[in-house]
Amino acid sequence: MEKYLEEIYKDIDKEGEREKEAKEMYVDSIKYYHYFRQNGIKYRPEPVDDCGASPLHVAAAKGNASFLLA
């Protein structure tokens, strides 16, 4: 199975795809920020999906938790 996936994705720019996803996550976070601010809602990082994952869980699972080291 792994070799099959490697063959399918051999021409994918992995770093470029990670950067696109990081930019998408950033844009989404800005949208959430403005939505909560406009509606007077204090953000609470509660689970947002059926698995109980919060935005922080998703970012960490995808390797985008470098902000934790800052």
PDB file of N, CA and C in Angstrom:
ATOM      1  N   MET A   1       0.828  -1.191   0.000  1.00  0.00           N
ATOM      2  CA  MET A   1       0.000   0.000   0.000  1.00  0.00           C
ATOM      3  C   MET A   1       0.874   1.257   0.000  1.00  0.00           C
ATOM      4  N   GLU A   2       1.915   1.244   0.809  1.00  0.00           N
ATOM      5  CA  GLU A   2       2.767   2.435   0.915  1.00  0.00           C
ATOM      6  C   GLU A   2       3.454   2.742  -0.414  1.00  0.00           C
ATOM      7  N   LYS A   3       3.943   1.712  -1.096  1.00  0.00           N
ATOM      8  CA  LYS A   3       4.604   1.939  -2.387  1.00  0.00           C
ATOM      9  C   LYS A   3       3.618   2.476  -3.414  1.00  0.00           C
ATOM     10  N   TYR A   4       2.377   2.006  -3.333  1.00  0.00           N
ATOM     11  CA  TYR A   4       1.328   2.484  -4.231  1.00  0.00           C
ATOM     12  C   TYR A   4       1.106   3.978  -4.023  1.00  0.00           C
ATOM     13  N   LEU A   5       1.011   4.394  -2.776  1.00  0.00           N
ATOM     14  CA  LEU A   5       0.802   5.814  -2.472  1.00  0.00           C
ATOM     15  C   LEU A   5       2.013   6.644  -2.874  1.00  0.00           C
ATOM     16  N   GLU A   6       3.202   6.097  -2.651  1.00  0.00           N
ATOM     17  CA  GLU A   6       4.415   6.812  -3.056  1.00  0.00           C
ATOM     18  C   GLU A   6       4.414   7.058  -4.560  1.00  0.00           C
ATOM     19  N   GLU A   7       3.983   6.075  -5.314  1.00  0.00           N
ATOM     20  CA  GLU A   7       3.931   6.207  -6.775  1.00  0.00           C
ATOM     21  C   GLU A   7       2.933   7.278  -7.194  1.00  0.00           C
ATOM     22  N   ILE A   8       1.784   7.281  -6.555  1.00  0.00           N
ATOM     23  CA  ILE A   8       0.740   8.256  -6.891  1.00  0.00           C
ATOM     24  C   ILE A   8       1.204   9.688  -6.593  1.00  0.00           C
ATOM     25  N   TYR A   9       1.844   9.862  -5.449  1.00  0.00           N
ATOM     26  CA  TYR A   9       2.189  11.204  -4.992  1.00  0.00           C
ATOM     27  C   TYR A   9       3.645  11.591  -5.234  1.00  0.00           C
ATOM     28  N   LYS A  10       4.352  10.873  -6.082  1.00  0.00           N
ATOM     29  CA  LYS A  10       5.787  11.123  -6.274  1.00  0.00           C
ATOM     30  C   LYS A  10       6.087  12.516  -6.821  1.00  0.00           C
ATOM     31  N   ASP A  11       5.167  13.099  -7.587  1.00  0.00           N
ATOM     32  CA  ASP A  11       5.424  14.407  -8.191  1.00  0.00           C
ATOM     33  C   ASP A  11       4.832  15.570  -7.388  1.00  0.00           C
ATOM     34  N   ILE A  12       4.328  15.291  -6.213  1.00  0.00           N
ATOM     35  CA  ILE A  12       3.718  16.322  -5.372  1.00  0.00           C
ATOM     36  C   ILE A  12       4.818  17.095  -4.637  1.00  0.00           C
ATOM     37  N   ASP A  13       4.682  18.405  -4.629  1.00  0.00           N
ATOM     38  CA  ASP A  13       5.588  19.270  -3.868  1.00  0.00           C
ATOM     39  C   ASP A  13       5.076  19.305  -2.425  1.00  0.00           C
ATOM     40  N   LYS A  14       5.636  18.444  -1.588  1.00  0.00           N
ATOM     41  CA  LYS A  14       5.147  18.300  -0.210  1.00  0.00           C
ATOM     42  C   LYS A  14       5.244  19.599   0.571  1.00  0.00           C
ATOM     43  N   GLU A  15       6.379  20.266   0.454  1.00  0.00           N
ATOM     44  CA  GLU A  15       6.553  21.522   1.199  1.00  0.00           C
ATOM     45  C   GLU A  15       5.575  22.587   0.699  1.00  0.00           C
ATOM     46  N   GLY A  16       5.378  22.642  -0.601  1.00  0.00           N
ATOM     47  CA  GLY A  16       4.417  23.596  -1.165  1.00  0.00           C
ATOM     48  C   GLY A  16       3.003  23.330  -0.675  1.00  0.00           C
ATOM     49  N   GLU A  17       2.638  22.054  -0.593  1.00  0.00           N
ATOM     50  CA  GLU A  17       1.306  21.691  -0.099  1.00  0.00           C
ATOM     51  C   GLU A  17       1.157  22.060   1.380  1.00  0.00           C
ATOM     52  N   ARG A  18       2.216  21.847   2.161  1.00  0.00           N
ATOM     53  CA  ARG A  18       2.174  22.232   3.586  1.00  0.00           C
ATOM     54  C   ARG A  18       2.001  23.748   3.724  1.00  0.00           C
ATOM     55  N   GLU A  19       2.712  24.493   2.895  1.00  0.00           N
ATOM     56  CA  GLU A  19       2.603  25.949   2.945  1.00  0.00           C
ATOM     57  C   GLU A  19       1.199  26.416   2.569  1.00  0.00           C
ATOM     58  N   LYS A  20       0.608  25.793   1.540  1.00  0.00           N
ATOM     59  CA  LYS A  20      -0.762  26.160   1.154  1.00  0.00           C
ATOM     60  C   LYS A  20      -1.732  25.894   2.295  1.00  0.00           C
ATOM     61  N   GLU A  21      -1.564  24.750   2.942  1.00  0.00           N
ATOM     62  CA  GLU A  21      -2.467  24.414   4.041  1.00  0.00           C
ATOM     63  C   GLU A  21      -2.277  25.360   5.222  1.00  0.00           C
ATOM     64  N   ALA A  22      -1.029  25.716   5.512  1.00  0.00           N
ATOM     65  CA  ALA A  22      -0.761  26.651   6.604  1.00  0.00           C
ATOM     66  C   ALA A  22      -1.397  28.009   6.320  1.00  0.00           C
ATOM     67  N   LYS A  23      -1.322  28.468   5.070  1.00  0.00           N
ATOM     68  CA  LYS A  23      -1.955  29.738   4.699  1.00  0.00           C
ATOM     69  C   LYS A  23      -3.468  29.660   4.840  1.00  0.00           C
ATOM     70  N   GLU A  24      -4.051  28.526   4.422  1.00  0.00           N
ATOM     71  CA  GLU A  24      -5.490  28.338   4.569  1.00  0.00           C
ATOM     72  C   GLU A  24      -5.907  28.374   6.033  1.00  0.00           C
ATOM     73  N   MET A  25      -5.121  27.705   6.887  1.00  0.00           N
ATOM     74  CA  MET A  25      -5.432  27.696   8.317  1.00  0.00           C
ATOM     75  C   MET A  25      -5.334  29.110   8.892  1.00  0.00           C
ATOM     76  N   TYR A  26      -4.353  29.886   8.434  1.00  0.00           N
ATOM     77  CA  TYR A  26      -4.198  31.255   8.898  1.00  0.00           C
ATOM     78  C   TYR A  26      -5.408  32.096   8.502  1.00  0.00           C
ATOM     79  N   VAL A  27      -5.831  31.982   7.246  1.00  0.00           N
ATOM     80  CA  VAL A  27      -6.994  32.734   6.770  1.00  0.00           C
ATOM     81  C   VAL A  27      -8.232  32.333   7.566  1.00  0.00           C
ATOM     82  N   ASP A  28      -8.406  31.041   7.811  1.00  0.00           N
ATOM     83  CA  ASP A  28      -9.546  30.584   8.608  1.00  0.00           C
ATOM     84  C   ASP A  28      -9.506  31.155  10.016  1.00  0.00           C
ATOM     85  N   SER A  29      -8.311  31.224  10.606  1.00  0.00           N
ATOM     86  CA  SER A  29      -8.210  31.752  11.966  1.00  0.00           C
ATOM     87  C   SER A  29      -8.584  33.238  12.005  1.00  0.00           C
ATOM     88  N   ILE A  30      -8.226  33.984  10.964  1.00  0.00           N
ATOM     89  CA  ILE A  30      -8.599  35.398  10.883  1.00  0.00           C
ATOM     90  C   ILE A  30     -10.114  35.531  10.775  1.00  0.00           C
ATOM     91  N   LYS A  31     -10.739  34.682   9.970  1.00  0.00           N
ATOM     92  CA  LYS A  31     -12.197  34.710   9.829  1.00  0.00           C
ATOM     93  C   LYS A  31     -12.875  34.426  11.164  1.00  0.00           C
ATOM     94  N   TYR A  32     -12.383  33.397  11.888  1.00  0.00           N
ATOM     95  CA  TYR A  32     -12.954  33.080  13.201  1.00  0.00           C
ATOM     96  C   TYR A  32     -12.788  34.260  14.151  1.00  0.00           C
ATOM     97  N   TYR A  33     -11.596  34.846  14.156  1.00  0.00           N
ATOM     98  CA  TYR A  33     -11.336  35.975  15.044  1.00  0.00           C
ATOM     99  C   TYR A  33     -12.348  37.085  14.803  1.00  0.00           C
ATOM    100  N   HIS A  34     -12.546  37.470  13.548  1.00  0.00           N
ATOM    101  CA  HIS A  34     -13.477  38.555  13.240  1.00  0.00           C
ATOM    102  C   HIS A  34     -14.921  38.171  13.548  1.00  0.00           C
ATOM    103  N   TYR A  35     -15.284  36.918  13.284  1.00  0.00           N
ATOM    104  CA  TYR A  35     -16.642  36.463  13.597  1.00  0.00           C
ATOM    105  C   TYR A  35     -16.914  36.572  15.090  1.00  0.00           C
ATOM    106  N   PHE A  36     -15.989  36.059  15.911  1.00  0.00           N
ATOM    107  CA  PHE A  36     -16.188  36.108  17.362  1.00  0.00           C
ATOM    108  C   PHE A  36     -16.197  37.547  17.862  1.00  0.00           C
ATOM    109  N   ARG A  37     -15.328  38.377  17.327  1.00  0.00           N
ATOM    110  CA  ARG A  37     -15.251  39.772  17.758  1.00  0.00           C
ATOM    111  C   ARG A  37     -16.523  40.543  17.388  1.00  0.00           C
ATOM    112  N   GLN A  38     -17.001  40.358  16.165  1.00  0.00           N
ATOM    113  CA  GLN A  38     -18.206  41.063  15.717  1.00  0.00           C
ATOM    114  C   GLN A  38     -19.444  40.646  16.504  1.00  0.00           C
ATOM    115  N   ASN A  39     -19.470  39.403  16.950  1.00  0.00           N
ATOM    116  CA  ASN A  39     -20.637  38.894  17.648  1.00  0.00           C
ATOM    117  C   ASN A  39     -20.486  38.898  19.164  1.00  0.00           C
ATOM    118  N   GLY A  40     -19.408  39.495  19.659  1.00  0.00           N
ATOM    119  CA  GLY A  40     -19.198  39.612  21.098  1.00  0.00           C
ATOM    120  C   GLY A  40     -19.054  38.270  21.804  1.00  0.00           C
ATOM    121  N   ILE A  41     -18.486  37.290  21.121  1.00  0.00           N
ATOM    122  CA  ILE A  41     -18.322  35.958  21.685  1.00  0.00           C
ATOM    123  C   ILE A  41     -16.867  35.774  22.078  1.00  0.00           C
ATOM    124  N   LYS A  42     -16.637  35.300  23.298  1.00  0.00           N
ATOM    125  CA  LYS A  42     -15.268  35.007  23.713  1.00  0.00           C
ATOM    126  C   LYS A  42     -14.919  33.612  23.207  1.00  0.00           C
ATOM    127  N   TYR A  43     -13.812  33.522  22.510  1.00  0.00           N
ATOM    128  CA  TYR A  43     -13.386  32.240  21.939  1.00  0.00           C
ATOM    129  C   TYR A  43     -12.978  31.278  23.039  1.00  0.00           C
ATOM    130  N   ARG A  44     -13.502  30.082  22.980  1.00  0.00           N
ATOM    131  CA  ARG A  44     -13.106  29.011  23.883  1.00  0.00           C
ATOM    132  C   ARG A  44     -12.707  27.827  22.986  1.00  0.00           C
ATOM    133  N   PRO A  45     -11.490  27.330  23.126  1.00  0.00           N
ATOM    134  CA  PRO A  45     -11.031  26.249  22.243  1.00  0.00           C
ATOM    135  C   PRO A  45     -11.686  24.913  22.570  1.00  0.00           C
ATOM    136  N   GLU A  46     -12.954  24.804  22.250  1.00  0.00           N
ATOM    137  CA  GLU A  46     -13.684  23.567  22.496  1.00  0.00           C
ATOM    138  C   GLU A  46     -13.602  22.670  21.270  1.00  0.00           C
ATOM    139  N   PRO A  47     -13.824  21.386  21.449  1.00  0.00           N
ATOM    140  CA  PRO A  47     -13.811  20.477  20.295  1.00  0.00           C
ATOM    141  C   PRO A  47     -14.792  20.937  19.223  1.00  0.00           C
ATOM    142  N   VAL A  48     -14.390  20.770  17.970  1.00  0.00           N
ATOM    143  CA  VAL A  48     -15.223  21.254  16.872  1.00  0.00           C
ATOM    144  C   VAL A  48     -15.648  20.175  15.892  1.00  0.00           C
ATOM    145  N   ASP A  49     -15.270  18.921  16.161  1.00  0.00           N
ATOM    146  CA  ASP A  49     -15.700  17.863  15.246  1.00  0.00           C
ATOM    147  C   ASP A  49     -16.137  16.628  16.022  1.00  0.00           C
ATOM    148  N   ASP A  50     -16.558  15.618  15.295  1.00  0.00           N
ATOM    149  CA  ASP A  50     -17.069  14.397  15.916  1.00  0.00           C
ATOM    150  C   ASP A  50     -16.021  13.645  16.724  1.00  0.00           C
ATOM    151  N   CYS A  51     -14.755  13.862  16.400  1.00  0.00           N
ATOM    152  CA  CYS A  51     -13.669  13.183  17.113  1.00  0.00           C
ATOM    153  C   CYS A  51     -13.259  13.922  18.380  1.00  0.00           C
ATOM    154  N   GLY A  52     -13.788  15.124  18.572  1.00  0.00           N
ATOM    155  CA  GLY A  52     -13.436  15.920  19.746  1.00  0.00           C
ATOM    156  C   GLY A  52     -12.186  16.745  19.557  1.00  0.00           C
ATOM    157  N   ALA A  53     -11.773  16.971  18.313  1.00  0.00           N
ATOM    158  CA  ALA A  53     -10.559  17.737  18.045  1.00  0.00           C
ATOM    159  C   ALA A  53     -10.841  19.236  18.021  1.00  0.00           C
ATOM    160  N   SER A  54      -9.956  19.983  18.643  1.00  0.00           N
ATOM    161  CA  SER A  54     -10.034  21.441  18.597  1.00  0.00           C
ATOM    162  C   SER A  54      -9.108  21.927  17.487  1.00  0.00           C
ATOM    163  N   PRO A  55      -9.152  23.219  17.139  1.00  0.00           N
ATOM    164  CA  PRO A  55      -8.219  23.735  16.138  1.00  0.00           C
ATOM    165  C   PRO A  55      -6.759  23.473  16.507  1.00  0.00           C
ATOM    166  N   LEU A  56      -6.436  23.513  17.795  1.00  0.00           N
ATOM    167  CA  LEU A  56      -5.058  23.243  18.227  1.00  0.00           C
ATOM    168  C   LEU A  56      -4.676  21.789  17.945  1.00  0.00           C
ATOM    169  N   HIS A  57      -5.597  20.860  18.196  1.00  0.00           N
ATOM    170  CA  HIS A  57      -5.336  19.452  17.889  1.00  0.00           C
ATOM    171  C   HIS A  57      -5.037  19.263  16.404  1.00  0.00           C
ATOM    172  N   VAL A  58      -5.850  19.892  15.571  1.00  0.00           N
ATOM    173  CA  VAL A  58      -5.680  19.754  14.125  1.00  0.00           C
ATOM    174  C   VAL A  58      -4.335  20.313  13.691  1.00  0.00           C
ATOM    175  N   ALA A  59      -3.982  21.504  14.183  1.00  0.00           N
ATOM    176  CA  ALA A  59      -2.708  22.126  13.815  1.00  0.00           C
ATOM    177  C   ALA A  59      -1.534  21.250  14.250  1.00  0.00           C
ATOM    178  N   ALA A  60      -1.600  20.726  15.464  1.00  0.00           N
ATOM    179  CA  ALA A  60      -0.505  19.892  15.965  1.00  0.00           C
ATOM    180  C   ALA A  60      -0.397  18.596  15.166  1.00  0.00           C
ATOM    181  N   ALA A  61      -1.525  17.990  14.838  1.00  0.00           N
ATOM    182  CA  ALA A  61      -1.514  16.738  14.084  1.00  0.00           C
ATOM    183  C   ALA A  61      -0.921  16.929  12.693  1.00  0.00           C
ATOM    184  N   LYS A  62      -1.061  18.119  12.154  1.00  0.00           N
ATOM    185  CA  LYS A  62      -0.550  18.391  10.817  1.00  0.00           C
ATOM    186  C   LYS A  62       0.851  18.987  10.855  1.00  0.00           C
ATOM    187  N   GLY A  63       1.440  19.043  12.050  1.00  0.00           N
ATOM    188  CA  GLY A  63       2.808  19.547  12.159  1.00  0.00           C
ATOM    189  C   GLY A  63       2.916  21.049  12.133  1.00  0.00           C
ATOM    190  N   ASN A  64       1.829  21.750  12.424  1.00  0.00           N
ATOM    191  CA  ASN A  64       1.842  23.215  12.408  1.00  0.00           C
ATOM    192  C   ASN A  64       1.813  23.800  13.816  1.00  0.00           C
ATOM    193  N   ALA A  65       2.538  23.195  14.721  1.00  0.00           N
ATOM    194  CA  ALA A  65       2.522  23.662  16.104  1.00  0.00           C
ATOM    195  C   ALA A  65       3.805  24.407  16.477  1.00  0.00           C
ATOM    196  N   SER A  66       4.524  24.937  15.501  1.00  0.00           N
ATOM    197  CA  SER A  66       5.767  25.643  15.781  1.00  0.00           C
ATOM    198  C   SER A  66       5.553  26.861  16.665  1.00  0.00           C
ATOM    199  N   PHE A  67       4.324  27.409  16.643  1.00  0.00           N
ATOM    200  CA  PHE A  67       4.033  28.579  17.472  1.00  0.00           C
ATOM    201  C   PHE A  67       4.143  28.250  18.955  1.00  0.00           C
ATOM    202  N   LEU A  68       4.051  26.975  19.324  1.00  0.00           N
ATOM    203  CA  LEU A  68       4.166  26.580  20.725  1.00  0.00           C
ATOM    204  C   LEU A  68       5.579  26.781  21.252  1.00  0.00           C
ATOM    205  N   LEU A  69       6.542  26.800  20.357  1.00  0.00           N
ATOM    206  CA  LEU A  69       7.945  26.956  20.756  1.00  0.00           C
ATOM    207  C   LEU A  69       8.357  28.412  20.894  1.00  0.00           C
ATOM    208  N   ALA A  70       7.516  29.314  20.438  1.00  0.00           N
ATOM    209  CA  ALA A  70       7.856  30.741  20.455  1.00  0.00           C
ATOM    210  C   ALA A  70       7.814  31.303  21.860  1.00  0.00           C
TER     211      ALA A  70
END
